[in-house]
């Protein structure tokens, strides 16, 4: 999905709620028909409802995310259907501005390491963790540079 399409869906979704603020209770009370009309797939609706339920039950304590350490927060986030380790890491990096996140599952990071370290094969997540250990406590910044290293000068990622 393009960024523009995602922004349109997000805007339509938020517009369903007072002051464009969806609360867990409101999401659970919203009909599937309304959510589908906003552009959410059936699968995404299931994910949204699971997220809302986990927030309401405090299985995912949103009030504490800022103070939770990375590993603990990832463990909480991956309990939500549709949120895996990679998604949790992107949330940490780009929403919470955490500076020491190494997204070892990210194919772009793996491809950039392959290129930068002149490896014959794309490194495994274990290899990424081993190589990236020396970047701590700035792994997020190193990751950003690795992603940028794959651009072709036109803002597009390379196709390695």
N, C-alpha and C. Protein backbone atom coordinates (compact mmCIF):
# COMPACT_ATOMS: atom_id res chain seq x y z
N UNK A 1 0.84 -1.17 0.00
CA UNK A 1 0.00 0.00 0.00
C UNK A 1 0.89 1.24 0.00
N UNK A 2 0.50 2.21 -0.78
CA UNK A 2 1.29 3.44 -0.83
C UNK A 2 1.05 4.27 0.41
N UNK A 3 1.98 5.18 0.67
CA UNK A 3 1.84 6.08 1.81
C UNK A 3 0.60 6.95 1.69
N UNK A 4 0.28 7.36 0.45
CA UNK A 4 -0.89 8.20 0.23
C UNK A 4 -2.17 7.44 0.54
N UNK A 5 -2.25 6.19 0.11
CA UNK A 5 -3.44 5.37 0.38
C UNK A 5 -3.58 5.13 1.88
N UNK A 6 -2.46 4.85 2.55
CA UNK A 6 -2.51 4.62 3.99
C UNK A 6 -2.96 5.89 4.73
N UNK A 7 -2.48 7.05 4.28
CA UNK A 7 -2.88 8.31 4.91
C UNK A 7 -4.38 8.57 4.72
N UNK A 8 -4.89 8.22 3.56
CA UNK A 8 -6.33 8.39 3.28
C UNK A 8 -7.15 7.49 4.20
N UNK A 9 -6.74 6.25 4.34
CA UNK A 9 -7.47 5.31 5.22
C UNK A 9 -7.40 5.79 6.66
N UNK A 10 -6.22 6.23 7.10
CA UNK A 10 -6.08 6.73 8.47
C UNK A 10 -6.99 7.93 8.70
N UNK A 11 -7.04 8.83 7.74
CA UNK A 11 -7.89 10.01 7.86
C UNK A 11 -9.36 9.62 7.96
N UNK A 12 -9.79 8.69 7.12
CA UNK A 12 -11.19 8.23 7.16
C UNK A 12 -11.49 7.51 8.48
N UNK A 13 -10.56 6.71 8.94
CA UNK A 13 -10.73 6.00 10.20
C UNK A 13 -10.87 6.99 11.36
N UNK A 14 -9.94 7.94 11.46
CA UNK A 14 -9.99 8.93 12.53
C UNK A 14 -11.27 9.75 12.49
N UNK A 15 -11.76 10.04 11.28
CA UNK A 15 -12.98 10.84 11.13
C UNK A 15 -14.22 10.16 11.70
N UNK A 16 -14.13 8.87 11.96
CA UNK A 16 -15.26 8.15 12.56
C UNK A 16 -15.47 8.52 14.02
N UNK A 17 -14.49 9.20 14.63
CA UNK A 17 -14.50 9.42 16.08
C UNK A 17 -14.48 10.90 16.42
N UNK A 18 -15.10 11.25 17.56
CA UNK A 18 -15.09 12.66 17.99
C UNK A 18 -13.66 13.20 18.09
N UNK A 19 -13.47 14.38 17.56
CA UNK A 19 -12.17 15.05 17.55
C UNK A 19 -11.07 14.20 16.92
N UNK A 20 -11.47 13.28 16.03
CA UNK A 20 -10.53 12.40 15.32
C UNK A 20 -9.68 11.55 16.27
N UNK A 21 -10.22 11.21 17.44
CA UNK A 21 -9.48 10.44 18.44
C UNK A 21 -10.22 9.14 18.72
N UNK A 22 -9.74 8.04 18.14
CA UNK A 22 -10.38 6.75 18.42
C UNK A 22 -9.95 6.20 19.78
N UNK A 23 -10.89 5.94 20.63
CA UNK A 23 -10.59 5.29 21.91
C UNK A 23 -10.82 3.80 21.73
N UNK A 24 -10.22 2.97 22.58
CA UNK A 24 -10.46 1.53 22.46
C UNK A 24 -11.95 1.19 22.54
N UNK A 25 -12.67 1.84 23.45
CA UNK A 25 -14.10 1.57 23.60
C UNK A 25 -14.86 1.92 22.31
N UNK A 26 -14.49 3.07 21.73
CA UNK A 26 -15.16 3.51 20.51
C UNK A 26 -14.86 2.58 19.34
N UNK A 27 -13.61 2.13 19.23
CA UNK A 27 -13.25 1.20 18.15
C UNK A 27 -14.06 -0.09 18.28
N UNK A 28 -14.17 -0.61 19.49
CA UNK A 28 -14.93 -1.85 19.69
C UNK A 28 -16.41 -1.66 19.40
N UNK A 29 -16.92 -0.44 19.58
CA UNK A 29 -18.33 -0.17 19.34
C UNK A 29 -18.64 0.17 17.87
N UNK A 30 -17.61 0.40 17.08
CA UNK A 30 -17.81 0.77 15.67
C UNK A 30 -18.12 -0.49 14.86
N UNK A 31 -19.10 -0.39 14.00
CA UNK A 31 -19.51 -1.54 13.19
C UNK A 31 -18.44 -1.89 12.16
N UNK A 32 -18.42 -3.15 11.79
CA UNK A 32 -17.51 -3.59 10.72
C UNK A 32 -17.81 -2.84 9.43
N UNK A 33 -19.10 -2.57 9.18
CA UNK A 33 -19.49 -1.86 7.96
C UNK A 33 -18.82 -0.48 7.91
N UNK A 34 -18.85 0.24 9.01
CA UNK A 34 -18.24 1.57 9.05
C UNK A 34 -16.72 1.48 8.89
N UNK A 35 -16.12 0.49 9.52
CA UNK A 35 -14.67 0.34 9.41
C UNK A 35 -14.27 -0.07 8.00
N UNK A 36 -15.07 -0.92 7.37
CA UNK A 36 -14.79 -1.32 5.99
C UNK A 36 -14.94 -0.12 5.05
N UNK A 37 -15.96 0.72 5.32
CA UNK A 37 -16.18 1.91 4.50
C UNK A 37 -15.01 2.89 4.63
N UNK A 38 -14.34 2.88 5.76
CA UNK A 38 -13.17 3.74 5.96
C UNK A 38 -11.95 3.20 5.21
N UNK A 39 -12.02 1.94 4.79
CA UNK A 39 -10.93 1.36 4.01
C UNK A 39 -10.18 0.23 4.67
N UNK A 40 -10.62 -0.17 5.87
CA UNK A 40 -9.93 -1.27 6.56
C UNK A 40 -10.40 -2.62 6.02
N UNK A 41 -9.47 -3.51 5.83
CA UNK A 41 -9.80 -4.88 5.42
C UNK A 41 -10.36 -5.64 6.62
N UNK A 42 -10.99 -6.77 6.36
CA UNK A 42 -11.52 -7.59 7.46
C UNK A 42 -10.40 -7.99 8.42
N UNK A 43 -9.25 -8.33 7.85
CA UNK A 43 -8.11 -8.72 8.68
C UNK A 43 -7.65 -7.57 9.57
N UNK A 44 -7.54 -6.37 9.00
CA UNK A 44 -7.12 -5.21 9.78
C UNK A 44 -8.16 -4.86 10.85
N UNK A 45 -9.42 -5.05 10.56
CA UNK A 45 -10.46 -4.81 11.56
C UNK A 45 -10.25 -5.76 12.74
N UNK A 46 -9.94 -7.01 12.46
CA UNK A 46 -9.65 -7.97 13.53
C UNK A 46 -8.45 -7.53 14.36
N UNK A 47 -7.43 -7.03 13.69
CA UNK A 47 -6.24 -6.55 14.40
C UNK A 47 -6.58 -5.34 15.28
N UNK A 48 -7.37 -4.42 14.72
CA UNK A 48 -7.75 -3.22 15.48
C UNK A 48 -8.57 -3.60 16.71
N UNK A 49 -9.47 -4.55 16.54
CA UNK A 49 -10.30 -4.96 17.68
C UNK A 49 -9.45 -5.68 18.74
N UNK A 50 -8.50 -6.47 18.31
CA UNK A 50 -7.62 -7.15 19.28
C UNK A 50 -6.77 -6.11 20.04
N UNK A 51 -6.26 -5.13 19.30
CA UNK A 51 -5.48 -4.06 19.93
C UNK A 51 -6.34 -3.30 20.95
N UNK A 52 -7.54 -2.93 20.55
CA UNK A 52 -8.43 -2.19 21.45
C UNK A 52 -8.75 -3.01 22.70
N UNK A 53 -9.00 -4.29 22.52
CA UNK A 53 -9.30 -5.17 23.66
C UNK A 53 -8.12 -5.28 24.61
N UNK A 54 -6.93 -5.39 24.05
CA UNK A 54 -5.73 -5.51 24.89
C UNK A 54 -5.44 -4.21 25.64
N UNK A 55 -5.72 -3.09 25.01
CA UNK A 55 -5.54 -1.81 25.70
C UNK A 55 -6.56 -1.68 26.82
N UNK A 56 -7.81 -2.05 26.54
CA UNK A 56 -8.86 -1.94 27.55
C UNK A 56 -8.60 -2.85 28.76
N UNK A 57 -8.04 -4.03 28.50
CA UNK A 57 -7.79 -4.97 29.60
C UNK A 57 -6.45 -4.71 30.30
N UNK A 58 -5.70 -3.73 29.80
CA UNK A 58 -4.38 -3.35 30.31
C UNK A 58 -3.32 -4.42 30.03
N UNK A 59 -3.63 -5.36 29.12
CA UNK A 59 -2.61 -6.30 28.67
C UNK A 59 -1.53 -5.54 27.89
N UNK A 60 -1.94 -4.41 27.30
CA UNK A 60 -1.02 -3.49 26.65
C UNK A 60 -1.22 -2.14 27.32
N UNK A 61 -0.38 -1.85 28.32
CA UNK A 61 -0.56 -0.62 29.12
C UNK A 61 -0.05 0.62 28.40
N UNK A 62 -0.90 1.24 27.60
CA UNK A 62 -0.47 2.39 26.81
C UNK A 62 0.07 3.54 27.65
N UNK A 63 -0.44 3.69 28.85
CA UNK A 63 0.05 4.77 29.71
C UNK A 63 1.50 4.59 30.12
N UNK A 64 2.03 3.37 29.95
CA UNK A 64 3.39 3.06 30.40
C UNK A 64 4.40 2.90 29.28
N UNK A 65 3.97 3.00 28.02
CA UNK A 65 4.90 2.67 26.93
C UNK A 65 6.15 3.54 26.92
N UNK A 66 6.01 4.79 27.29
CA UNK A 66 7.18 5.68 27.28
C UNK A 66 8.25 5.24 28.27
N UNK A 67 7.83 4.65 29.39
CA UNK A 67 8.79 4.28 30.43
C UNK A 67 9.23 2.82 30.36
N UNK A 68 8.59 2.02 29.51
CA UNK A 68 8.97 0.61 29.40
C UNK A 68 10.27 0.47 28.63
N UNK A 69 11.09 -0.52 29.02
CA UNK A 69 12.29 -0.75 28.23
C UNK A 69 11.90 -1.43 26.92
N UNK A 70 12.79 -1.38 25.95
CA UNK A 70 12.48 -1.85 24.60
C UNK A 70 12.01 -3.30 24.58
N UNK A 71 12.75 -4.19 25.23
CA UNK A 71 12.40 -5.60 25.17
C UNK A 71 11.04 -5.88 25.81
N UNK A 72 10.75 -5.22 26.92
CA UNK A 72 9.47 -5.41 27.60
C UNK A 72 8.33 -4.89 26.73
N UNK A 73 8.52 -3.75 26.11
CA UNK A 73 7.49 -3.19 25.25
C UNK A 73 7.26 -4.07 24.03
N UNK A 74 8.32 -4.56 23.43
CA UNK A 74 8.18 -5.47 22.29
C UNK A 74 7.39 -6.70 22.72
N UNK A 75 7.70 -7.26 23.88
CA UNK A 75 6.98 -8.44 24.37
C UNK A 75 5.49 -8.15 24.53
N UNK A 76 5.14 -6.96 24.98
CA UNK A 76 3.73 -6.58 25.10
C UNK A 76 3.08 -6.39 23.73
N UNK A 77 3.78 -5.71 22.84
CA UNK A 77 3.20 -5.40 21.54
C UNK A 77 2.95 -6.64 20.69
N UNK A 78 3.86 -7.60 20.73
CA UNK A 78 3.69 -8.78 19.85
C UNK A 78 2.56 -9.71 20.31
N UNK A 79 1.98 -9.43 21.47
CA UNK A 79 0.80 -10.18 21.90
C UNK A 79 -0.44 -9.78 21.11
N UNK A 80 -0.38 -8.63 20.46
CA UNK A 80 -1.50 -8.14 19.66
C UNK A 80 -1.46 -8.80 18.29
N UNK A 81 -2.59 -9.36 17.85
CA UNK A 81 -2.66 -9.95 16.51
C UNK A 81 -2.31 -8.89 15.48
N UNK A 82 -1.44 -9.26 14.55
CA UNK A 82 -1.05 -8.35 13.49
C UNK A 82 0.19 -7.52 13.80
N UNK A 83 0.68 -7.59 15.03
CA UNK A 83 1.91 -6.88 15.39
C UNK A 83 3.00 -7.90 15.66
N UNK A 84 4.02 -7.88 14.82
CA UNK A 84 5.16 -8.77 15.01
C UNK A 84 6.36 -7.97 15.51
N UNK A 85 7.45 -8.66 15.64
CA UNK A 85 8.68 -8.02 16.15
C UNK A 85 9.10 -6.82 15.30
N UNK A 86 9.06 -6.98 13.96
CA UNK A 86 9.47 -5.89 13.08
C UNK A 86 8.59 -4.67 13.28
N UNK A 87 7.27 -4.86 13.33
CA UNK A 87 6.34 -3.75 13.53
C UNK A 87 6.61 -3.06 14.86
N UNK A 88 6.83 -3.86 15.89
CA UNK A 88 7.12 -3.31 17.22
C UNK A 88 8.40 -2.48 17.18
N UNK A 89 9.41 -2.97 16.49
CA UNK A 89 10.67 -2.22 16.39
C UNK A 89 10.49 -0.91 15.63
N UNK A 90 9.68 -0.92 14.57
CA UNK A 90 9.43 0.31 13.83
C UNK A 90 8.69 1.32 14.72
N UNK A 91 7.77 0.84 15.54
CA UNK A 91 7.06 1.70 16.50
C UNK A 91 8.06 2.33 17.47
N UNK A 92 8.97 1.51 17.98
CA UNK A 92 9.98 2.03 18.91
C UNK A 92 10.84 3.10 18.25
N UNK A 93 11.27 2.84 17.03
CA UNK A 93 12.18 3.76 16.35
C UNK A 93 11.49 5.05 15.92
N UNK A 94 10.35 4.91 15.26
CA UNK A 94 9.77 6.06 14.57
C UNK A 94 8.64 6.75 15.33
N UNK A 95 8.07 6.10 16.31
CA UNK A 95 7.00 6.72 17.10
C UNK A 95 7.50 7.16 18.47
N UNK A 96 8.37 6.30 19.06
CA UNK A 96 8.89 6.61 20.39
C UNK A 96 10.30 7.19 20.35
N UNK A 97 10.89 7.26 19.17
CA UNK A 97 12.21 7.85 18.99
C UNK A 97 13.28 7.16 19.84
N UNK A 98 13.20 5.84 19.93
CA UNK A 98 14.20 5.08 20.67
C UNK A 98 15.45 4.98 19.81
N UNK A 99 16.59 5.19 20.42
CA UNK A 99 17.85 5.33 19.67
C UNK A 99 18.67 4.06 19.53
N UNK A 100 18.27 2.98 20.23
CA UNK A 100 19.10 1.77 20.20
C UNK A 100 18.29 0.55 19.78
N UNK A 101 17.59 0.67 18.66
CA UNK A 101 16.79 -0.44 18.13
C UNK A 101 17.48 -0.95 16.87
N UNK A 102 17.70 -2.24 16.83
CA UNK A 102 18.31 -2.87 15.66
C UNK A 102 17.29 -3.84 15.04
N UNK A 103 16.66 -3.44 13.94
CA UNK A 103 15.64 -4.30 13.32
C UNK A 103 16.27 -5.42 12.50
N UNK A 104 16.66 -6.46 13.20
CA UNK A 104 17.42 -7.55 12.57
C UNK A 104 16.61 -8.34 11.53
N UNK A 105 15.28 -8.24 11.56
CA UNK A 105 14.45 -8.95 10.60
C UNK A 105 14.22 -8.15 9.32
N UNK A 106 14.62 -6.90 9.31
CA UNK A 106 14.35 -6.01 8.19
C UNK A 106 15.22 -6.38 6.98
N UNK A 107 14.57 -6.65 5.85
CA UNK A 107 15.32 -7.04 4.65
C UNK A 107 16.21 -5.92 4.14
N UNK A 108 15.78 -4.68 4.29
CA UNK A 108 16.62 -3.55 3.89
C UNK A 108 17.90 -3.49 4.70
N UNK A 109 17.79 -3.69 5.99
CA UNK A 109 18.98 -3.70 6.86
C UNK A 109 19.89 -4.86 6.46
N UNK A 110 19.31 -6.03 6.23
CA UNK A 110 20.10 -7.19 5.83
C UNK A 110 20.81 -6.93 4.50
N UNK A 111 20.08 -6.37 3.54
CA UNK A 111 20.69 -6.08 2.23
C UNK A 111 21.77 -5.00 2.33
N UNK A 112 21.55 -3.99 3.16
CA UNK A 112 22.55 -2.93 3.32
C UNK A 112 23.81 -3.46 3.99
N UNK A 113 23.65 -4.33 4.97
CA UNK A 113 24.82 -4.94 5.62
C UNK A 113 25.56 -5.80 4.61
N UNK A 114 24.82 -6.55 3.82
CA UNK A 114 25.45 -7.39 2.78
C UNK A 114 26.32 -6.51 1.87
N UNK A 115 25.77 -5.39 1.46
CA UNK A 115 26.49 -4.49 0.57
C UNK A 115 27.67 -3.81 1.29
N UNK A 116 27.41 -3.24 2.47
CA UNK A 116 28.44 -2.49 3.19
C UNK A 116 29.60 -3.37 3.64
N UNK A 117 29.30 -4.59 4.00
CA UNK A 117 30.34 -5.50 4.51
C UNK A 117 30.83 -6.47 3.42
N UNK A 118 30.37 -6.26 2.21
CA UNK A 118 30.77 -7.06 1.04
C UNK A 118 30.64 -8.56 1.30
N UNK A 119 29.47 -8.93 1.75
CA UNK A 119 29.19 -10.34 2.00
C UNK A 119 28.58 -10.96 0.76
N UNK A 120 28.82 -12.25 0.56
CA UNK A 120 28.27 -12.94 -0.59
C UNK A 120 26.78 -13.20 -0.42
N UNK A 121 26.37 -13.50 0.81
CA UNK A 121 24.97 -13.80 1.09
C UNK A 121 24.39 -12.73 2.01
N UNK A 122 23.08 -12.59 1.94
CA UNK A 122 22.41 -11.68 2.87
C UNK A 122 22.55 -12.26 4.27
N UNK A 123 22.91 -11.43 5.25
CA UNK A 123 23.09 -11.95 6.61
C UNK A 123 21.76 -12.37 7.24
N UNK A 124 21.84 -13.34 8.11
CA UNK A 124 20.68 -13.78 8.86
C UNK A 124 20.41 -12.78 9.99
N UNK A 125 19.22 -12.85 10.59
CA UNK A 125 18.97 -11.98 11.75
C UNK A 125 20.03 -12.14 12.84
N UNK A 126 20.49 -13.36 13.06
CA UNK A 126 21.55 -13.60 14.06
C UNK A 126 22.83 -12.87 13.66
N UNK A 127 23.18 -12.92 12.37
CA UNK A 127 24.36 -12.20 11.87
C UNK A 127 24.20 -10.70 12.06
N UNK A 128 22.99 -10.19 11.79
CA UNK A 128 22.73 -8.75 11.95
C UNK A 128 22.94 -8.35 13.40
N UNK A 129 22.42 -9.15 14.33
CA UNK A 129 22.60 -8.84 15.76
C UNK A 129 24.08 -8.83 16.14
N UNK A 130 24.84 -9.79 15.61
CA UNK A 130 26.28 -9.87 15.92
C UNK A 130 27.02 -8.66 15.35
N UNK A 131 26.78 -8.35 14.09
CA UNK A 131 27.44 -7.21 13.46
C UNK A 131 27.00 -5.91 14.13
N UNK A 132 25.71 -5.77 14.40
CA UNK A 132 25.15 -4.54 14.94
C UNK A 132 25.41 -4.31 16.41
N UNK A 133 25.92 -5.31 17.12
CA UNK A 133 26.17 -5.15 18.56
C UNK A 133 27.10 -3.98 18.84
N UNK A 134 28.05 -3.74 17.97
CA UNK A 134 29.02 -2.65 18.20
C UNK A 134 28.41 -1.26 17.95
N UNK A 135 27.20 -1.19 17.37
CA UNK A 135 26.58 0.10 17.09
C UNK A 135 25.84 0.65 18.30
N UNK A 136 25.61 -0.19 19.29
CA UNK A 136 24.88 0.23 20.48
C UNK A 136 25.68 1.29 21.23
N UNK A 137 25.08 2.33 21.71
CA UNK A 137 23.66 2.61 21.90
C UNK A 137 23.05 3.45 20.78
N UNK A 138 23.56 3.33 19.56
CA UNK A 138 23.07 4.15 18.44
C UNK A 138 22.58 3.28 17.28
N UNK A 139 22.03 2.12 17.58
CA UNK A 139 21.61 1.19 16.53
C UNK A 139 20.54 1.76 15.61
N UNK A 140 19.64 2.56 16.15
CA UNK A 140 18.60 3.16 15.30
C UNK A 140 19.22 4.09 14.27
N UNK A 141 20.18 4.87 14.67
CA UNK A 141 20.86 5.80 13.76
C UNK A 141 21.63 5.00 12.70
N UNK A 142 22.33 3.97 13.13
CA UNK A 142 23.06 3.12 12.18
C UNK A 142 22.08 2.50 11.18
N UNK A 143 20.92 2.07 11.66
CA UNK A 143 19.91 1.47 10.78
C UNK A 143 19.43 2.49 9.75
N UNK A 144 19.20 3.70 10.21
CA UNK A 144 18.76 4.74 9.29
C UNK A 144 19.80 4.95 8.19
N UNK A 145 21.07 5.01 8.54
CA UNK A 145 22.13 5.17 7.54
C UNK A 145 22.19 3.96 6.60
N UNK A 146 21.98 2.78 7.15
CA UNK A 146 21.98 1.59 6.30
C UNK A 146 20.85 1.66 5.28
N UNK A 147 19.65 2.03 5.73
CA UNK A 147 18.54 2.17 4.79
C UNK A 147 18.87 3.20 3.72
N UNK A 148 19.43 4.34 4.14
CA UNK A 148 19.77 5.40 3.18
C UNK A 148 20.82 4.92 2.18
N UNK A 149 21.71 4.03 2.61
CA UNK A 149 22.76 3.54 1.72
C UNK A 149 22.20 2.74 0.54
N UNK A 150 20.97 2.29 0.66
CA UNK A 150 20.35 1.51 -0.41
C UNK A 150 19.66 2.37 -1.45
N UNK A 151 19.54 3.67 -1.18
CA UNK A 151 18.86 4.54 -2.14
C UNK A 151 19.71 4.73 -3.38
N UNK A 152 19.03 4.88 -4.48
CA UNK A 152 19.70 5.03 -5.78
C UNK A 152 19.95 6.48 -6.16
N UNK A 153 19.82 7.39 -5.20
CA UNK A 153 19.96 8.79 -5.52
C UNK A 153 18.66 9.44 -5.91
N UNK A 154 17.62 8.60 -6.10
CA UNK A 154 16.31 9.13 -6.47
C UNK A 154 15.29 8.93 -5.35
N UNK A 155 15.79 8.57 -4.17
CA UNK A 155 14.88 8.35 -3.05
C UNK A 155 14.27 6.95 -3.03
N UNK A 156 14.61 6.15 -4.04
CA UNK A 156 14.07 4.78 -4.13
C UNK A 156 15.11 3.78 -3.65
N UNK A 157 14.63 2.75 -2.97
CA UNK A 157 15.54 1.71 -2.50
C UNK A 157 16.05 0.89 -3.66
N UNK A 158 17.29 0.44 -3.54
CA UNK A 158 17.88 -0.44 -4.55
C UNK A 158 17.17 -1.79 -4.56
N UNK A 159 17.41 -2.56 -5.60
CA UNK A 159 16.68 -3.82 -5.76
C UNK A 159 17.55 -5.03 -5.54
N UNK A 160 18.57 -4.92 -4.76
CA UNK A 160 19.44 -6.07 -4.51
C UNK A 160 18.69 -7.22 -3.95
